[in-house]
Amino acid sequence: MATKTTAKKAPAKAAKPAAAKSAAPVKPLGESLSKSGLIAHIAAQANVEAKAVKAVFAGLESAVLASVHKKGVGQFTLPGLFKINAVKVAAKPKRKGKNPFTGEEQVFAAKPATVKVKGAPAEEAEGRRALMCAR
């Protein structure tokens, strides 16, 4: 006769300390930050050394450059903040047209194919911005 065994329950996990329930209200900055000013500001907000923030910025920079590189994936997203896309623009042949200032016929030079980098805020950032502007 088969005996029935009961599954043992896993021990209860310790309650995780509640992370910031809601983000602290954002205080507007009085002026635009330079790179060193931004590093100092983030270091003060996160209570870490500026050297660590510089290392994070260097890693972030290399990740962005690798993503939008010619052989890269072509886009980079920093979740909750922004998205960067590399858009390929086709070559344009030379063409005839009118000079807008003199009205004379002229030949406009050909342009080679290029890659433009475009950025846009993430949807979450747009929502937060709308909330802050509504106040």
Foldseek 3Di string as FASTA:
>chain_A
DDDDDDDDDDPDDDDDPDDDPDDDDDDDDPDDADPLRVLVVVCVVVVHDSVVSVVVVVVVVVVQCQQCDPPHVQKDDDPLFKIKGKAKAAKAQKDWDADPPPRDIDIHHTGHIDIDMDMDTDPNNVVVVVVVVVD
